[in-house]
Amino acid sequence: MAVIVYSRPHCIECNVLKRFLNDYKIEYEVKDCGTHPEYLEEVKQMGFLGVPVTVVNGKAIHGLQPEAILDALKVEE
């Protein structure tokens, strides 16, 4: 199961999202758009203007949407 979180360091929604993933013990890779502008370009190519964006097995989910992420992961709440 591949989970990638595009985020910025001082983004409140991003930090809440990462805390949510940690609480559910979901492993994820962080792509920091603050230090790597090329990651922000990837976000734009997906059709989004900002972060957080969570990619679960190739499916992009914009914003703080815990239910959509769990559904994509097939995790019971």
N, C-alpha and C. Protein backbone atom coordinates (compact mmCIF):
# COMPACT_ATOMS: atom_id res chain seq x y z
N MET A 1 0.85 -1.18 0.00
CA MET A 1 0.00 0.00 0.00
C MET A 1 0.90 1.24 0.00
N ALA A 2 0.84 2.02 -1.05
CA ALA A 2 1.67 3.20 -1.16
C ALA A 2 0.86 4.45 -0.82
N VAL A 3 1.31 5.18 0.21
CA VAL A 3 0.65 6.43 0.61
C VAL A 3 1.69 7.53 0.60
N ILE A 4 1.38 8.61 -0.12
CA ILE A 4 2.26 9.77 -0.20
C ILE A 4 1.47 10.99 0.25
N VAL A 5 2.07 11.81 1.11
CA VAL A 5 1.44 13.05 1.56
C VAL A 5 2.28 14.22 1.07
N TYR A 6 1.69 15.05 0.23
CA TYR A 6 2.33 16.30 -0.20
C TYR A 6 1.93 17.34 0.83
N SER A 7 2.92 18.00 1.43
CA SER A 7 2.62 18.95 2.49
C SER A 7 3.65 20.07 2.55
N ARG A 8 3.39 21.01 3.45
CA ARG A 8 4.33 22.09 3.79
C ARG A 8 4.48 22.07 5.31
N PRO A 9 5.64 22.50 5.81
CA PRO A 9 5.90 22.40 7.24
C PRO A 9 4.91 23.13 8.14
N HIS A 10 4.46 24.32 7.77
CA HIS A 10 3.61 25.11 8.66
C HIS A 10 2.14 25.07 8.25
N CYS A 11 1.75 24.05 7.51
CA CYS A 11 0.37 23.87 7.06
C CYS A 11 -0.39 23.11 8.15
N ILE A 12 -1.38 23.77 8.74
CA ILE A 12 -2.13 23.16 9.84
C ILE A 12 -2.87 21.91 9.37
N GLU A 13 -3.56 21.99 8.24
CA GLU A 13 -4.28 20.81 7.72
C GLU A 13 -3.31 19.66 7.46
N CYS A 14 -2.13 19.97 6.94
CA CYS A 14 -1.13 18.93 6.66
C CYS A 14 -0.73 18.22 7.95
N ASN A 15 -0.49 19.01 8.99
CA ASN A 15 -0.06 18.42 10.26
C ASN A 15 -1.17 17.59 10.89
N VAL A 16 -2.41 18.04 10.78
CA VAL A 16 -3.55 17.26 11.30
C VAL A 16 -3.67 15.95 10.52
N LEU A 17 -3.50 16.04 9.20
CA LEU A 17 -3.57 14.85 8.35
C LEU A 17 -2.50 13.83 8.73
N LYS A 18 -1.28 14.29 8.94
CA LYS A 18 -0.19 13.37 9.32
C LYS A 18 -0.45 12.76 10.69
N ARG A 19 -1.01 13.56 11.61
CA ARG A 19 -1.35 13.02 12.94
C ARG A 19 -2.42 11.94 12.81
N PHE A 20 -3.41 12.19 11.95
CA PHE A 20 -4.46 11.20 11.69
C PHE A 20 -3.85 9.89 11.17
N LEU A 21 -2.96 9.99 10.19
CA LEU A 21 -2.32 8.78 9.63
C LEU A 21 -1.51 8.06 10.69
N ASN A 22 -0.81 8.82 11.52
CA ASN A 22 -0.03 8.21 12.61
C ASN A 22 -0.94 7.50 13.60
N ASP A 23 -2.07 8.13 13.94
CA ASP A 23 -3.02 7.52 14.88
C ASP A 23 -3.54 6.18 14.36
N TYR A 24 -3.74 6.09 13.05
CA TYR A 24 -4.21 4.85 12.44
C TYR A 24 -3.06 3.91 12.05
N LYS A 25 -1.84 4.31 12.41
CA LYS A 25 -0.64 3.51 12.13
C LYS A 25 -0.51 3.20 10.64
N ILE A 26 -0.82 4.22 9.82
CA ILE A 26 -0.70 4.10 8.37
C ILE A 26 0.66 4.69 7.98
N GLU A 27 1.47 3.86 7.35
CA GLU A 27 2.78 4.33 6.91
C GLU A 27 2.62 5.19 5.67
N TYR A 28 3.41 6.26 5.60
CA TYR A 28 3.32 7.17 4.47
C TYR A 28 4.66 7.85 4.23
N GLU A 29 4.81 8.32 3.01
CA GLU A 29 5.98 9.09 2.62
C GLU A 29 5.56 10.55 2.54
N VAL A 30 6.38 11.45 3.07
CA VAL A 30 6.08 12.88 3.01
C VAL A 30 6.90 13.51 1.89
N LYS A 31 6.22 14.27 1.04
CA LYS A 31 6.89 15.07 0.02
C LYS A 31 6.68 16.52 0.41
N ASP A 32 7.75 17.14 0.93
CA ASP A 32 7.70 18.50 1.46
C ASP A 32 7.81 19.52 0.33
N CYS A 33 6.70 20.15 0.02
CA CYS A 33 6.65 21.13 -1.07
C CYS A 33 7.36 22.43 -0.69
N GLY A 34 7.63 22.62 0.60
CA GLY A 34 8.33 23.82 1.05
C GLY A 34 9.80 23.79 0.69
N THR A 35 10.42 22.64 0.77
CA THR A 35 11.85 22.53 0.48
C THR A 35 12.13 21.97 -0.91
N HIS A 36 11.11 21.39 -1.53
CA HIS A 36 11.27 20.81 -2.87
C HIS A 36 10.17 21.33 -3.79
N PRO A 37 10.41 22.46 -4.48
CA PRO A 37 9.38 23.05 -5.36
C PRO A 37 8.90 22.09 -6.45
N GLU A 38 9.72 21.12 -6.82
CA GLU A 38 9.29 20.16 -7.84
C GLU A 38 8.09 19.33 -7.37
N TYR A 39 7.95 19.15 -6.05
CA TYR A 39 6.80 18.42 -5.52
C TYR A 39 5.52 19.25 -5.70
N LEU A 40 5.63 20.57 -5.56
CA LEU A 40 4.47 21.42 -5.80
C LEU A 40 4.04 21.36 -7.26
N GLU A 41 5.00 21.19 -8.15
CA GLU A 41 4.67 21.01 -9.57
C GLU A 41 3.90 19.71 -9.77
N GLU A 42 4.28 18.66 -9.04
CA GLU A 42 3.54 17.39 -9.13
C GLU A 42 2.10 17.58 -8.67
N VAL A 43 1.91 18.37 -7.59
CA VAL A 43 0.57 18.67 -7.09
C VAL A 43 -0.24 19.38 -8.16
N LYS A 44 0.38 20.36 -8.82
CA LYS A 44 -0.30 21.11 -9.87
C LYS A 44 -0.66 20.21 -11.06
N GLN A 45 0.22 19.26 -11.38
CA GLN A 45 -0.06 18.33 -12.48
C GLN A 45 -1.25 17.42 -12.16
N MET A 46 -1.51 17.21 -10.87
CA MET A 46 -2.67 16.41 -10.46
C MET A 46 -3.95 17.23 -10.51
N GLY A 47 -3.81 18.55 -10.74
CA GLY A 47 -4.97 19.41 -10.85
C GLY A 47 -5.31 20.20 -9.59
N PHE A 48 -4.39 20.22 -8.63
CA PHE A 48 -4.63 20.93 -7.37
C PHE A 48 -3.69 22.12 -7.25
N LEU A 49 -4.13 23.13 -6.49
CA LEU A 49 -3.31 24.33 -6.31
C LEU A 49 -2.58 24.37 -4.98
N GLY A 50 -2.99 23.54 -4.04
CA GLY A 50 -2.36 23.58 -2.72
C GLY A 50 -2.33 22.23 -2.05
N VAL A 51 -1.78 22.23 -0.86
CA VAL A 51 -1.63 21.02 -0.07
C VAL A 51 -2.55 21.11 1.15
N PRO A 52 -2.86 20.02 1.80
CA PRO A 52 -2.33 18.68 1.60
C PRO A 52 -3.01 17.94 0.45
N VAL A 53 -2.22 17.08 -0.17
CA VAL A 53 -2.72 16.12 -1.13
C VAL A 53 -2.18 14.76 -0.69
N THR A 54 -3.08 13.80 -0.55
CA THR A 54 -2.69 12.45 -0.18
C THR A 54 -2.92 11.56 -1.39
N VAL A 55 -1.90 10.80 -1.75
CA VAL A 55 -2.02 9.88 -2.87
C VAL A 55 -1.99 8.46 -2.30
N VAL A 56 -3.08 7.72 -2.54
CA VAL A 56 -3.20 6.34 -2.07
C VAL A 56 -3.28 5.44 -3.29
N ASN A 57 -2.22 4.67 -3.50
CA ASN A 57 -2.16 3.76 -4.65
C ASN A 57 -2.53 4.47 -5.96
N GLY A 58 -2.00 5.67 -6.13
CA GLY A 58 -2.22 6.41 -7.37
C GLY A 58 -3.45 7.30 -7.38
N LYS A 59 -4.33 7.19 -6.37
CA LYS A 59 -5.53 8.03 -6.30
C LYS A 59 -5.24 9.25 -5.44
N ALA A 60 -5.40 10.45 -6.03
CA ALA A 60 -5.12 11.70 -5.31
C ALA A 60 -6.35 12.18 -4.57
N ILE A 61 -6.16 12.54 -3.29
CA ILE A 61 -7.22 13.05 -2.45
C ILE A 61 -6.76 14.40 -1.92
N HIS A 62 -7.50 15.45 -2.26
CA HIS A 62 -7.10 16.81 -1.88
C HIS A 62 -7.71 17.21 -0.54
N GLY A 63 -6.92 17.86 0.28
CA GLY A 63 -7.41 18.40 1.54
C GLY A 63 -7.44 17.37 2.65
N LEU A 64 -8.09 17.77 3.72
CA LEU A 64 -8.20 16.92 4.91
C LEU A 64 -9.49 16.12 4.80
N GLN A 65 -9.39 14.90 4.26
CA GLN A 65 -10.55 14.04 4.04
C GLN A 65 -10.29 12.65 4.61
N PRO A 66 -10.31 12.53 5.93
CA PRO A 66 -9.99 11.23 6.56
C PRO A 66 -10.84 10.08 6.04
N GLU A 67 -12.15 10.30 5.85
CA GLU A 67 -13.02 9.22 5.41
C GLU A 67 -12.62 8.72 4.02
N ALA A 68 -12.30 9.66 3.13
CA ALA A 68 -11.90 9.28 1.77
C ALA A 68 -10.59 8.50 1.78
N ILE A 69 -9.68 8.89 2.67
CA ILE A 69 -8.40 8.19 2.77
C ILE A 69 -8.62 6.77 3.30
N LEU A 70 -9.42 6.65 4.35
CA LEU A 70 -9.70 5.31 4.90
C LEU A 70 -10.40 4.45 3.87
N ASP A 71 -11.33 5.04 3.12
CA ASP A 71 -12.04 4.29 2.09
C ASP A 71 -11.06 3.80 1.02
N ALA A 72 -10.14 4.68 0.61
CA ALA A 72 -9.14 4.30 -0.41
C ALA A 72 -8.22 3.20 0.12
N LEU A 73 -7.99 3.20 1.43
CA LEU A 73 -7.13 2.20 2.05
C LEU A 73 -7.91 0.95 2.46
N LYS A 74 -9.24 1.04 2.41
CA LYS A 74 -10.12 -0.06 2.86
C LYS A 74 -9.89 -0.36 4.34
N VAL A 75 -9.79 0.71 5.15
CA VAL A 75 -9.57 0.58 6.59
C VAL A 75 -10.88 0.83 7.30
N GLU A 76 -11.19 0.01 8.29
CA GLU A 76 -12.38 0.21 9.12
C GLU A 76 -12.09 1.27 10.17
N GLU A 77 -13.04 2.18 10.38
CA GLU A 77 -12.85 3.24 11.40
C GLU A 77 -13.07 2.70 12.79
